[in-house]
Amino acid sequence: MARQLISSGSSFEGEIGYSRAVVDGDWVFVSGTTGFDYATMRIADDVAEQCEQCLRNIDAALKQAGAAMADVVRVVYVLPNGGDFPACWPVLKRWFGEVRPAAMMISAGLADPRMKIEIEVTARKGSGT
């Protein structure tokens, strides 16, 4: 099976030179995804709202790849302010409470000061069924 590239339509993908996700066999690798609404290129100020939008963006990429959030096996969270992470927990529990992927949180700067969280996931098709 050839490698499949998934695009969200974000202007960042063309400007920087990456794909929202890459499908390789049953594996789906979703790039670090921020809280931008790609249709409007707007981003909320609230970290929990950004987290929710990140997960909607990731869900859309996984669906394009023939996978689902239930197939996520690994997730990495990056936040400039680690103290903001607890505000995201209710959102994360709603999306991943039953999935319970392996996870890691890193506190590091992001490319745009408006970004308060970035999320990267790895999924294996069919693993969540």
Foldseek 3Di string as FASTA:
>chain_A
DDKDFAAPQAPCCVVVPHGQWIDDPQKIWGPWFWQAPRVVRDHDQQQQNGLLSRVVSVQVRQVVVVAGLLQWAEKEKEFQDPVSVVVNVVVCCVSCVPSPHHYYYYHDDDPDPSTGMIMITMGGHPPRD
